[in-house]
Amino acid sequence: MIALDKDSWDEHVTQSQGWVLVDFWGPRCKPCLELTPHVEKLAEKYADYLKFCSLDTSKAMRLAIAQGVMSLPVIAFYHNGEKKDELTGNFSPEEIEQKIKEIIGS
């Protein structure tokens, strides 16, 4: 997974071609920390289909707010730089994988 910050956001998300998954998380967000190992496993499994990135919102709060992230956790899906879908609040690793499968047509 690519760890994003405000300086690398455009390169890896806005200017990317194809699908990008962004895991918005925070170090004090327990559900976020519980999801991280599952998202990392999905990144290994679906690396050929999506770029996987993470953004620590505690270090890039303005960027997160600009992306409409008001609470955590959030998994957002971007296609060719545009946000197309997201999972927010209480969701499971299985729901993330289901959304990935929908996106890649599997």
Protein backbone atom coordinates (compact mmCIF):
# COMPACT_ATOMS: atom_id res chain seq x y z
CA MET A 1 0.00 0.00 0.00
CA ILE A 2 1.16 3.49 -0.79
CA ALA A 3 1.15 5.85 2.19
CA LEU A 4 -0.21 9.14 0.93
CA ASP A 5 0.26 12.67 2.15
CA LYS A 6 -0.87 16.04 0.79
CA ASP A 7 2.18 16.18 -1.48
CA SER A 8 1.71 12.75 -3.06
CA TRP A 9 -2.11 12.80 -3.33
CA ASP A 10 -2.26 14.21 -6.87
CA GLU A 11 0.37 11.83 -8.22
CA HIS A 12 -1.23 8.68 -6.83
CA VAL A 13 -4.96 9.56 -6.89
CA THR A 14 -5.97 12.62 -8.91
CA GLN A 15 -3.63 11.91 -11.82
CA SER A 16 -3.96 8.11 -11.73
CA GLN A 17 -5.50 6.16 -14.55
CA GLY A 18 -7.70 3.26 -13.52
CA TRP A 19 -9.01 2.39 -10.07
CA VAL A 20 -7.51 3.56 -6.79
CA LEU A 21 -8.69 2.50 -3.33
CA VAL A 22 -7.88 4.97 -0.56
CA ASP A 23 -8.07 3.87 3.07
CA PHE A 24 -8.70 7.02 5.13
CA TRP A 25 -7.66 6.24 8.71
CA GLY A 26 -6.38 7.78 11.92
CA PRO A 27 -4.02 6.49 14.62
CA ARG A 28 -6.68 6.88 17.32
CA CYS A 29 -9.45 5.20 15.30
CA LYS A 30 -9.77 1.66 16.67
CA PRO A 31 -12.01 0.38 13.81
CA CYS A 32 -9.46 1.80 11.33
CA LEU A 33 -6.59 -0.02 13.00
CA GLU A 34 -8.61 -3.26 13.04
CA LEU A 35 -9.32 -2.94 9.29
CA THR A 36 -5.72 -2.21 8.27
CA PRO A 37 -4.42 -5.82 8.12
CA HIS A 38 -7.48 -6.86 6.11
CA VAL A 39 -7.03 -4.00 3.63
CA GLU A 40 -3.34 -4.94 3.28
CA LYS A 41 -4.35 -8.53 2.43
CA LEU A 42 -6.84 -7.24 -0.14
CA ALA A 43 -4.06 -5.08 -1.58
CA GLU A 44 -1.97 -8.20 -2.15
CA LYS A 45 -4.90 -10.12 -3.64
CA TYR A 46 -6.18 -7.37 -5.98
CA ALA A 47 -2.97 -5.46 -6.79
CA ASP A 48 -3.39 -6.25 -10.49
CA TYR A 49 -6.76 -4.48 -10.57
CA LEU A 50 -6.51 -1.48 -8.23
CA LYS A 51 -3.87 0.75 -6.72
CA PHE A 52 -4.12 0.64 -2.92
CA CYS A 53 -3.30 3.73 -0.89
CA SER A 54 -3.77 4.92 2.67
CA LEU A 55 -4.04 8.40 4.12
CA ASP A 56 -3.46 9.19 7.79
CA THR A 57 -6.09 11.88 8.24
CA SER A 58 -4.40 13.19 11.40
CA LYS A 59 -1.54 14.39 9.18
CA ALA A 60 -3.71 15.60 6.27
CA MET A 61 -6.96 16.80 7.80
CA ARG A 62 -7.67 19.49 5.20
CA LEU A 63 -7.18 17.03 2.37
CA ALA A 64 -9.51 14.51 4.04
CA ILE A 65 -12.18 17.17 4.56
CA ALA A 66 -11.79 18.29 0.94
CA GLN A 67 -12.54 14.67 -0.04
CA GLY A 68 -15.72 14.69 2.06
CA VAL A 69 -14.29 12.55 4.86
CA MET A 70 -15.94 13.72 8.07
CA SER A 71 -15.65 10.56 10.17
CA LEU A 72 -13.60 7.38 10.11
CA PRO A 73 -13.10 4.78 8.82
CA VAL A 74 -13.65 5.49 5.13
CA ILE A 75 -12.65 3.40 2.14
CA ALA A 76 -13.00 5.48 -1.04
CA PHE A 77 -12.82 4.30 -4.62
CA TYR A 78 -11.50 6.62 -7.33
CA HIS A 79 -11.49 6.03 -11.07
CA ASN A 80 -9.27 8.19 -13.28
CA GLY A 81 -8.94 10.68 -10.44
CA GLU A 82 -12.64 11.03 -9.62
CA LYS A 83 -14.31 9.63 -6.50
CA LYS A 84 -16.88 7.06 -7.61
CA ASP A 85 -17.90 5.28 -4.40
CA GLU A 86 -17.08 4.87 -0.73
CA LEU A 87 -17.74 2.81 2.34
CA THR A 88 -18.16 4.74 5.59
CA GLY A 89 -18.79 4.00 9.23
CA ASN A 90 -19.43 0.43 10.24
CA PHE A 91 -18.39 -1.97 7.47
CA SER A 92 -16.55 -5.27 7.33
CA PRO A 93 -13.53 -6.51 5.37
CA GLU A 94 -15.98 -8.70 3.44
CA GLU A 95 -17.92 -5.63 2.36
CA ILE A 96 -14.71 -4.02 1.12
CA GLU A 97 -13.91 -7.11 -0.93
CA GLN A 98 -17.45 -7.24 -2.30
CA LYS A 99 -17.17 -3.61 -3.43
CA ILE A 100 -13.81 -4.38 -5.09
CA LYS A 101 -15.38 -7.31 -6.93
CA GLU A 102 -18.24 -5.08 -8.12
CA ILE A 103 -15.76 -2.51 -9.39
CA ILE A 104 -13.53 -4.94 -11.27
CA GLY A 105 -16.48 -6.89 -12.62
CA SER A 106 -15.61 -10.14 -10.89
